[in-house]
PDB file of all heavy atoms in Angstrom:
ATOM      1  N   GLU A   1      77.916 157.538  69.918  1.00  0.00           N
ATOM      2  CA  GLU A   1      79.205 158.186  69.714  1.00  0.00           C
ATOM      3  C   GLU A   1      79.364 159.281  70.749  1.00  0.00           C
ATOM      4  O   GLU A   1      78.407 159.669  71.430  1.00  0.00           O
ATOM      5  CB  GLU A   1      79.302 158.789  68.308  1.00  0.00           C
ATOM      6  CG  GLU A   1      80.392 158.178  67.415  1.00  0.00           C
ATOM      7  CD  GLU A   1      81.823 158.508  67.837  1.00  0.00           C
ATOM      8  OE1 GLU A   1      82.068 158.827  69.018  1.00  0.00           O
ATOM      9  OE2 GLU A   1      82.708 158.458  66.964  1.00  0.00           O
ATOM     10  N   GLY A   2      80.616 159.754  70.889  1.00  0.00           N
ATOM     11  CA  GLY A   2      80.911 160.764  71.882  1.00  0.00           C
ATOM     12  C   GLY A   2      81.616 161.967  71.296  1.00  0.00           C
ATOM     13  O   GLY A   2      82.479 161.827  70.415  1.00  0.00           O
ATOM     14  N   ILE A   3      81.238 163.159  71.759  1.00  0.00           N
ATOM     15  CA  ILE A   3      81.898 164.388  71.356  1.00  0.00           C
ATOM     16  C   ILE A   3      83.069 164.643  72.290  1.00  0.00           C
ATOM     17  O   ILE A   3      82.918 164.628  73.513  1.00  0.00           O
ATOM     18  CB  ILE A   3      80.924 165.582  71.391  1.00  0.00           C
ATOM     19  CG1 ILE A   3      79.800 165.388  70.369  1.00  0.00           C
ATOM     20  CG2 ILE A   3      81.661 166.895  71.130  1.00  0.00           C
ATOM     21  CD1 ILE A   3      78.721 166.449  70.439  1.00  0.00           C
ATOM     22  N   MET A   4      84.240 164.892  71.709  1.00  0.00           N
ATOM     23  CA  MET A   4      85.427 165.213  72.485  1.00  0.00           C
ATOM     24  C   MET A   4      85.725 166.702  72.331  1.00  0.00           C
ATOM     25  O   MET A   4      85.747 167.225  71.206  1.00  0.00           O
ATOM     26  CB  MET A   4      86.620 164.369  72.037  1.00  0.00           C
ATOM     27  CG  MET A   4      86.386 162.875  72.122  1.00  0.00           C
ATOM     28  SD  MET A   4      87.857 161.891  71.730  1.00  0.00           S
ATOM     29  CE  MET A   4      88.777 162.055  73.268  1.00  0.00           C
ATOM     30  N   LEU A   5      85.944 167.378  73.430  1.00  0.00           N
ATOM     31  CA  LEU A   5      86.324 168.781  73.415  1.00  0.00           C
ATOM     32  C   LEU A   5      87.833 168.894  73.447  1.00  0.00           C
ATOM     33  O   LEU A   5      88.537 167.974  73.883  1.00  0.00           O
ATOM     34  CB  LEU A   5      85.727 169.502  74.620  1.00  0.00           C
ATOM     35  CG  LEU A   5      84.220 169.350  74.847  1.00  0.00           C
ATOM     36  CD1 LEU A   5      83.798 170.118  76.096  1.00  0.00           C
ATOM     37  CD2 LEU A   5      83.427 169.803  73.638  1.00  0.00           C
ATOM     38  N   ASP A   6      88.358 170.040  72.983  1.00  0.00           N
ATOM     39  CA  ASP A   6      89.785 170.273  73.137  1.00  0.00           C
ATOM     40  C   ASP A   6      90.058 170.842  74.531  1.00  0.00           C
ATOM     41  O   ASP A   6      89.131 171.010  75.339  1.00  0.00           O
ATOM     42  CB  ASP A   6      90.326 171.168  72.017  1.00  0.00           C
ATOM     43  CG  ASP A   6      89.788 172.598  72.056  1.00  0.00           C
ATOM     44  OD1 ASP A   6      89.296 173.053  73.110  1.00  0.00           O
ATOM     45  OD2 ASP A   6      89.872 173.281  71.017  1.00  0.00           O
ATOM     46  N   VAL A   7      91.311 171.135  74.834  1.00  0.00           N
ATOM     47  CA  VAL A   7      91.665 171.570  76.187  1.00  0.00           C
ATOM     48  C   VAL A   7      91.086 172.938  76.527  1.00  0.00           C
ATOM     49  O   VAL A   7      91.037 173.324  77.699  1.00  0.00           O
ATOM     50  CB  VAL A   7      93.200 171.582  76.390  1.00  0.00           C
ATOM     51  CG1 VAL A   7      93.754 170.171  76.323  1.00  0.00           C
ATOM     52  CG2 VAL A   7      93.879 172.477  75.355  1.00  0.00           C
ATOM     53  N   ASN A   8      90.609 173.668  75.509  1.00  0.00           N
ATOM     54  CA  ASN A   8      90.001 174.973  75.751  1.00  0.00           C
ATOM     55  C   ASN A   8      88.474 174.918  75.783  1.00  0.00           C
ATOM     56  O   ASN A   8      87.821 175.947  75.916  1.00  0.00           O
ATOM     57  CB  ASN A   8      90.446 175.966  74.668  1.00  0.00           C
ATOM     58  CG  ASN A   8      91.931 176.249  74.735  1.00  0.00           C
ATOM     59  OD1 ASN A   8      92.461 176.566  75.797  1.00  0.00           O
ATOM     60  ND2 ASN A   8      92.616 176.125  73.611  1.00  0.00           N
ATOM     61  N   GLY A   9      87.932 173.732  75.644  1.00  0.00           N
ATOM     62  CA  GLY A   9      86.488 173.572  75.730  1.00  0.00           C
ATOM     63  C   GLY A   9      85.743 173.685  74.418  1.00  0.00           C
ATOM     64  O   GLY A   9      84.518 173.620  74.403  1.00  0.00           O
ATOM     65  N   PHE A  10      86.460 173.849  73.308  1.00  0.00           N
ATOM     66  CA  PHE A  10      85.810 173.874  72.005  1.00  0.00           C
ATOM     67  C   PHE A  10      85.611 172.443  71.497  1.00  0.00           C
ATOM     68  O   PHE A  10      86.375 171.533  71.848  1.00  0.00           O
ATOM     69  CB  PHE A  10      86.642 174.656  70.990  1.00  0.00           C
ATOM     70  CG  PHE A  10      86.695 176.137  71.256  1.00  0.00           C
ATOM     71  CD1 PHE A  10      87.803 176.716  71.873  1.00  0.00           C
ATOM     72  CD2 PHE A  10      85.633 176.954  70.891  1.00  0.00           C
ATOM     73  CE1 PHE A  10      87.851 178.078  72.121  1.00  0.00           C
ATOM     74  CE2 PHE A  10      85.667 178.318  71.129  1.00  0.00           C
ATOM     75  CZ  PHE A  10      86.775 178.887  71.761  1.00  0.00           C
ATOM     76  N   VAL A  11      84.617 172.246  70.667  1.00  0.00           N
ATOM     77  CA  VAL A  11      84.363 170.934  70.077  1.00  0.00           C
ATOM     78  C   VAL A  11      85.505 170.588  69.123  1.00  0.00           C
ATOM     79  O   VAL A  11      85.839 171.381  68.234  1.00  0.00           O
ATOM     80  CB  VAL A  11      83.013 170.927  69.338  1.00  0.00           C
ATOM     81  CG1 VAL A  11      82.834 169.616  68.573  1.00  0.00           C
ATOM     82  CG2 VAL A  11      81.862 171.141  70.320  1.00  0.00           C
ATOM     83  N   ALA A  12      86.101 169.416  69.331  1.00  0.00           N
ATOM     84  CA  ALA A  12      87.184 168.962  68.455  1.00  0.00           C
ATOM     85  C   ALA A  12      86.656 167.983  67.413  1.00  0.00           C
ATOM     86  O   ALA A  12      86.647 168.252  66.218  1.00  0.00           O
ATOM     87  CB  ALA A  12      88.306 168.331  69.273  1.00  0.00           C
ATOM     88  N   GLU A  13      86.198 166.834  67.878  1.00  0.00           N
ATOM     89  CA  GLU A  13      85.681 165.798  66.994  1.00  0.00           C
ATOM     90  C   GLU A  13      84.994 164.747  67.844  1.00  0.00           C
ATOM     91  O   GLU A  13      84.914 164.887  69.072  1.00  0.00           O
ATOM     92  CB  GLU A  13      86.812 165.169  66.173  1.00  0.00           C
ATOM     93  CG  GLU A  13      87.937 164.558  66.993  1.00  0.00           C
ATOM     94  CD  GLU A  13      89.080 164.033  66.119  1.00  0.00           C
ATOM     95  OE1 GLU A  13      88.809 163.587  64.998  1.00  0.00           O
ATOM     96  OE2 GLU A  13      90.232 164.070  66.582  1.00  0.00           O
ATOM     97  N   ALA A  14      84.500 163.680  67.230  1.00  0.00           N
ATOM     98  CA  ALA A  14      83.953 162.552  67.960  1.00  0.00           C
ATOM     99  C   ALA A  14      85.081 161.561  68.236  1.00  0.00           C
ATOM    100  O   ALA A  14      86.218 161.760  67.804  1.00  0.00           O
ATOM    101  CB  ALA A  14      82.823 161.908  67.164  1.00  0.00           C
ATOM    102  N   THR A  15      84.790 160.491  68.961  1.00  0.00           N
ATOM    103  CA  THR A  15      85.861 159.568  69.344  1.00  0.00           C
ATOM    104  C   THR A  15      86.486 158.875  68.140  1.00  0.00           C
ATOM    105  O   THR A  15      87.657 158.508  68.168  1.00  0.00           O
ATOM    106  CB  THR A  15      85.357 158.498  70.332  1.00  0.00           C
ATOM    107  OG1 THR A  15      84.410 157.638  69.682  1.00  0.00           O
ATOM    108  CG2 THR A  15      84.726 159.128  71.558  1.00  0.00           C
ATOM    109  N   ALA A  16      85.701 158.701  67.064  1.00  0.00           N
ATOM    110  CA  ALA A  16      86.236 158.045  65.871  1.00  0.00           C
ATOM    111  C   ALA A  16      85.787 158.734  64.589  1.00  0.00           C
ATOM    112  O   ALA A  16      85.932 158.161  63.499  1.00  0.00           O
ATOM    113  CB  ALA A  16      85.816 156.578  65.841  1.00  0.00           C
ATOM    114  N   ASP A  17      85.250 159.928  64.705  1.00  0.00           N
ATOM    115  CA  ASP A  17      84.667 160.600  63.547  1.00  0.00           C
ATOM    116  C   ASP A  17      84.855 162.107  63.650  1.00  0.00           C
ATOM    117  O   ASP A  17      85.071 162.641  64.734  1.00  0.00           O
ATOM    118  CB  ASP A  17      83.165 160.304  63.459  1.00  0.00           C
ATOM    119  CG  ASP A  17      82.859 158.820  63.389  1.00  0.00           C
ATOM    120  OD1 ASP A  17      83.140 158.217  62.339  1.00  0.00           O
ATOM    121  OD2 ASP A  17      82.361 158.267  64.384  1.00  0.00           O
ATOM    122  N   ASN A  18      84.716 162.783  62.514  1.00  0.00           N
ATOM    123  CA  ASN A  18      84.613 164.239  62.505  1.00  0.00           C
ATOM    124  C   ASN A  18      83.153 164.630  62.705  1.00  0.00           C
ATOM    125  O   ASN A  18      82.252 163.819  62.512  1.00  0.00           O
ATOM    126  CB  ASN A  18      85.125 164.805  61.180  1.00  0.00           C
ATOM    127  CG  ASN A  18      86.623 164.609  61.009  1.00  0.00           C
ATOM    128  OD1 ASN A  18      87.062 163.837  60.160  1.00  0.00           O
ATOM    129  ND2 ASN A  18      87.415 165.320  61.794  1.00  0.00           N
ATOM    130  N   ILE A  19      82.925 165.867  63.111  1.00  0.00           N
ATOM    131  CA  ILE A  19      81.571 166.322  63.415  1.00  0.00           C
ATOM    132  C   ILE A  19      81.229 167.581  62.626  1.00  0.00           C
ATOM    133  O   ILE A  19      82.097 168.436  62.391  1.00  0.00           O
ATOM    134  CB  ILE A  19      81.400 166.555  64.931  1.00  0.00           C
ATOM    135  CG1 ILE A  19      79.928 166.851  65.286  1.00  0.00           C
ATOM    136  CG2 ILE A  19      82.328 167.661  65.432  1.00  0.00           C
ATOM    137  CD1 ILE A  19      79.638 166.786  66.776  1.00  0.00           C
ATOM    138  N   PHE A  20      79.977 167.659  62.205  1.00  0.00           N
ATOM    139  CA  PHE A  20      79.444 168.811  61.474  1.00  0.00           C
ATOM    140  C   PHE A  20      78.133 169.239  62.115  1.00  0.00           C
ATOM    141  O   PHE A  20      77.418 168.415  62.699  1.00  0.00           O
ATOM    142  CB  PHE A  20      79.132 168.446  60.017  1.00  0.00           C
ATOM    143  CG  PHE A  20      80.325 168.210  59.133  1.00  0.00           C
ATOM    144  CD1 PHE A  20      81.053 167.029  59.220  1.00  0.00           C
ATOM    145  CD2 PHE A  20      80.703 169.149  58.177  1.00  0.00           C
ATOM    146  CE1 PHE A  20      82.135 166.796  58.381  1.00  0.00           C
ATOM    147  CE2 PHE A  20      81.781 168.925  57.343  1.00  0.00           C
ATOM    148  CZ  PHE A  20      82.506 167.750  57.443  1.00  0.00           C
ATOM    149  N   LEU A  21      77.789 170.502  61.966  1.00  0.00           N
ATOM    150  CA  LEU A  21      76.454 170.955  62.320  1.00  0.00           C
ATOM    151  C   LEU A  21      75.903 171.800  61.171  1.00  0.00           C
ATOM    152  O   LEU A  21      76.653 172.330  60.344  1.00  0.00           O
ATOM    153  CB  LEU A  21      76.447 171.725  63.641  1.00  0.00           C
ATOM    154  CG  LEU A  21      77.283 173.007  63.773  1.00  0.00           C
ATOM    155  CD1 LEU A  21      76.521 174.221  63.241  1.00  0.00           C
ATOM    156  CD2 LEU A  21      77.637 173.237  65.239  1.00  0.00           C
ATOM    157  N   VAL A  22      74.593 171.870  61.117  1.00  0.00           N
ATOM    158  CA  VAL A  22      73.897 172.668  60.116  1.00  0.00           C
ATOM    159  C   VAL A  22      73.065 173.712  60.841  1.00  0.00           C
ATOM    160  O   VAL A  22      72.302 173.377  61.757  1.00  0.00           O
ATOM    161  CB  VAL A  22      72.985 171.798  59.231  1.00  0.00           C
ATOM    162  CG1 VAL A  22      72.286 172.663  58.171  1.00  0.00           C
ATOM    163  CG2 VAL A  22      73.772 170.678  58.564  1.00  0.00           C
ATOM    164  N   LYS A  23      73.222 174.969  60.459  1.00  0.00           N
ATOM    165  CA  LYS A  23      72.444 176.058  61.047  1.00  0.00           C
ATOM    166  C   LYS A  23      72.024 176.988  59.917  1.00  0.00           C
ATOM    167  O   LYS A  23      72.882 177.530  59.199  1.00  0.00           O
ATOM    168  CB  LYS A  23      73.281 176.825  62.081  1.00  0.00           C
ATOM    169  CG  LYS A  23      72.494 177.879  62.836  1.00  0.00           C
ATOM    170  CD  LYS A  23      71.453 177.266  63.782  1.00  0.00           C
ATOM    171  CE  LYS A  23      70.792 178.323  64.643  1.00  0.00           C
ATOM    172  NZ  LYS A  23      69.770 177.740  65.554  1.00  0.00           N
ATOM    173  N   ASP A  24      70.716 177.154  59.758  1.00  0.00           N
ATOM    174  CA  ASP A  24      70.186 178.000  58.675  1.00  0.00           C
ATOM    175  C   ASP A  24      70.755 177.589  57.318  1.00  0.00           C
ATOM    176  O   ASP A  24      71.131 178.429  56.500  1.00  0.00           O
ATOM    177  CB  ASP A  24      70.479 179.477  58.959  1.00  0.00           C
ATOM    178  CG  ASP A  24      69.832 179.960  60.255  1.00  0.00           C
ATOM    179  OD1 ASP A  24      68.727 179.468  60.583  1.00  0.00           O
ATOM    180  OD2 ASP A  24      70.429 180.800  60.939  1.00  0.00           O
ATOM    181  N   ARG A  25      70.868 176.286  57.114  1.00  0.00           N
ATOM    182  CA  ARG A  25      71.343 175.644  55.882  1.00  0.00           C
ATOM    183  C   ARG A  25      72.825 175.876  55.604  1.00  0.00           C
ATOM    184  O   ARG A  25      73.341 175.418  54.575  1.00  0.00           O
ATOM    185  CB  ARG A  25      70.506 176.062  54.666  1.00  0.00           C
ATOM    186  CG  ARG A  25      69.080 175.530  54.709  1.00  0.00           C
ATOM    187  CD  ARG A  25      68.314 175.838  53.436  1.00  0.00           C
ATOM    188  NE  ARG A  25      68.905 175.208  52.253  1.00  0.00           N
ATOM    189  CZ  ARG A  25      68.726 173.925  51.896  1.00  0.00           C
ATOM    190  NH1 ARG A  25      68.008 173.116  52.674  1.00  0.00           N
ATOM    191  NH2 ARG A  25      69.263 173.459  50.799  1.00  0.00           N
ATOM    192  N   ALA A  26      73.530 176.557  56.501  1.00  0.00           N
ATOM    193  CA  ALA A  26      74.991 176.640  56.400  1.00  0.00           C
ATOM    194  C   ALA A  26      75.589 175.463  57.172  1.00  0.00           C
ATOM    195  O   ALA A  26      75.074 175.067  58.231  1.00  0.00           O
ATOM    196  CB  ALA A  26      75.496 177.957  56.965  1.00  0.00           C
ATOM    197  N   ILE A  27      76.658 174.912  56.641  1.00  0.00           N
ATOM    198  CA  ILE A  27      77.307 173.747  57.242  1.00  0.00           C
ATOM    199  C   ILE A  27      78.599 174.203  57.907  1.00  0.00           C
ATOM    200  O   ILE A  27      79.408 174.893  57.299  1.00  0.00           O
ATOM    201  CB  ILE A  27      77.590 172.684  56.167  1.00  0.00           C
ATOM    202  CG1 ILE A  27      76.270 172.232  55.515  1.00  0.00           C
ATOM    203  CG2 ILE A  27      78.338 171.501  56.756  1.00  0.00           C
ATOM    204  CD1 ILE A  27      76.471 171.391  54.274  1.00  0.00           C
ATOM    205  N   VAL A  28      78.776 173.814  59.177  1.00  0.00           N
ATOM    206  CA  VAL A  28      79.926 174.264  59.954  1.00  0.00           C
ATOM    207  C   VAL A  28      80.634 173.055  60.541  1.00  0.00           C
ATOM    208  O   VAL A  28      79.989 172.118  61.038  1.00  0.00           O
ATOM    209  CB  VAL A  28      79.498 175.223  61.089  1.00  0.00           C
ATOM    210  CG1 VAL A  28      80.721 175.769  61.810  1.00  0.00           C
ATOM    211  CG2 VAL A  28      78.633 176.354  60.543  1.00  0.00           C
ATOM    212  N   THR A  29      81.947 173.060  60.503  1.00  0.00           N
ATOM    213  CA  THR A  29      82.742 171.987  61.094  1.00  0.00           C
ATOM    214  C   THR A  29      83.991 172.589  61.720  1.00  0.00           C
ATOM    215  O   THR A  29      84.496 173.613  61.247  1.00  0.00           O
ATOM    216  CB  THR A  29      83.120 170.932  60.030  1.00  0.00           C
ATOM    217  OG1 THR A  29      83.704 169.788  60.664  1.00  0.00           O
ATOM    218  CG2 THR A  29      84.086 171.488  59.001  1.00  0.00           C
ATOM    219  N   PRO A  30      84.509 172.018  62.802  1.00  0.00           N
ATOM    220  CA  PRO A  30      85.708 172.575  63.424  1.00  0.00           C
ATOM    221  C   PRO A  30      86.920 172.482  62.500  1.00  0.00           C
ATOM    222  O   PRO A  30      87.003 171.581  61.663  1.00  0.00           O
ATOM    223  CB  PRO A  30      85.910 171.680  64.659  1.00  0.00           C
ATOM    224  CG  PRO A  30      84.580 171.063  64.920  1.00  0.00           C
ATOM    225  CD  PRO A  30      83.953 170.887  63.571  1.00  0.00           C
ATOM    226  N   PRO A  31      87.863 173.399  62.646  1.00  0.00           N
ATOM    227  CA  PRO A  31      89.112 173.296  61.886  1.00  0.00           C
ATOM    228  C   PRO A  31      89.900 172.076  62.351  1.00  0.00           C
ATOM    229  O   PRO A  31      89.639 171.520  63.420  1.00  0.00           O
ATOM    230  CB  PRO A  31      89.840 174.604  62.213  1.00  0.00           C
ATOM    231  CG  PRO A  31      89.253 175.049  63.522  1.00  0.00           C
ATOM    232  CD  PRO A  31      87.838 174.593  63.522  1.00  0.00           C
ATOM    233  N   THR A  32      90.872 171.669  61.542  1.00  0.00           N
ATOM    234  CA  THR A  32      91.562 170.413  61.829  1.00  0.00           C
ATOM    235  C   THR A  32      92.813 170.562  62.697  1.00  0.00           C
ATOM    236  O   THR A  32      93.563 169.603  62.863  1.00  0.00           O
ATOM    237  CB  THR A  32      91.956 169.707  60.519  1.00  0.00           C
ATOM    238  OG1 THR A  32      92.762 170.598  59.734  1.00  0.00           O
ATOM    239  CG2 THR A  32      90.722 169.311  59.737  1.00  0.00           C
ATOM    240  N   ALA A  33      93.024 171.731  63.286  1.00  0.00           N
ATOM    241  CA  ALA A  33      94.188 171.883  64.169  1.00  0.00           C
ATOM    242  C   ALA A  33      94.074 170.968  65.381  1.00  0.00           C
ATOM    243  O   ALA A  33      95.076 170.457  65.880  1.00  0.00           O
ATOM    244  CB  ALA A  33      94.321 173.334  64.618  1.00  0.00           C
ATOM    245  N   THR A  34      92.831 170.761  65.853  1.00  0.00           N
ATOM    246  CA  THR A  34      92.626 169.930  67.049  1.00  0.00           C
ATOM    247  C   THR A  34      91.847 168.663  66.736  1.00  0.00           C
ATOM    248  O   THR A  34      91.289 168.038  67.638  1.00  0.00           O
ATOM    249  CB  THR A  34      91.880 170.732  68.132  1.00  0.00           C
ATOM    250  OG1 THR A  34      90.632 171.204  67.592  1.00  0.00           O
ATOM    251  CG2 THR A  34      92.711 171.914  68.597  1.00  0.00           C
ATOM    252  N   SER A  35      91.798 168.283  65.470  1.00  0.00           N
ATOM    253  CA  SER A  35      91.110 167.058  65.088  1.00  0.00           C
ATOM    254  C   SER A  35      91.763 166.480  63.848  1.00  0.00           C
ATOM    255  O   SER A  35      92.500 167.162  63.134  1.00  0.00           O
ATOM    256  CB  SER A  35      89.617 167.329  64.820  1.00  0.00           C
ATOM    257  OG  SER A  35      89.461 168.226  63.733  1.00  0.00           O
ATOM    258  N   LEU A  36      91.467 165.211  63.590  1.00  0.00           N
ATOM    259  CA  LEU A  36      92.058 164.536  62.448  1.00  0.00           C
ATOM    260  C   LEU A  36      91.559 165.141  61.138  1.00  0.00           C
ATOM    261  O   LEU A  36      90.387 165.474  61.008  1.00  0.00           O
ATOM    262  CB  LEU A  36      91.702 163.047  62.493  1.00  0.00           C
ATOM    263  CG  LEU A  36      92.300 162.169  61.392  1.00  0.00           C
ATOM    264  CD1 LEU A  36      93.805 162.044  61.571  1.00  0.00           C
ATOM    265  CD2 LEU A  36      91.639 160.799  61.391  1.00  0.00           C
ATOM    266  N   LYS A  37      92.468 165.251  60.169  1.00  0.00           N
ATOM    267  CA  LYS A  37      92.089 165.707  58.831  1.00  0.00           C
ATOM    268  C   LYS A  37      91.417 164.544  58.104  1.00  0.00           C
ATOM    269  O   LYS A  37      92.039 163.825  57.331  1.00  0.00           O
ATOM    270  CB  LYS A  37      93.313 166.190  58.058  1.00  0.00           C
ATOM    271  CG  LYS A  37      93.959 167.436  58.639  1.00  0.00           C
ATOM    272  CD  LYS A  37      95.195 167.842  57.839  1.00  0.00           C
ATOM    273  CE  LYS A  37      95.861 169.077  58.441  1.00  0.00           C
ATOM    274  NZ  LYS A  37      97.091 169.462  57.710  1.00  0.00           N
ATOM    275  N   GLY A  38      90.131 164.374  58.377  1.00  0.00           N
ATOM    276  CA  GLY A  38      89.401 163.237  57.847  1.00  0.00           C
ATOM    277  C   GLY A  38      89.289 163.261  56.326  1.00  0.00           C
ATOM    278  O   GLY A  38      88.956 164.296  55.745  1.00  0.00           O
TER     279      GLY A  38
END
């Protein structure tokens, strides 16, 4: 799969999926302004 950035260089989503990361057991995902509301 591929990560797509928005025009400002922030992570938007994958080519066909939303993306999440886990850091110190907190779960973070980009807001849906620049990605599909999955």
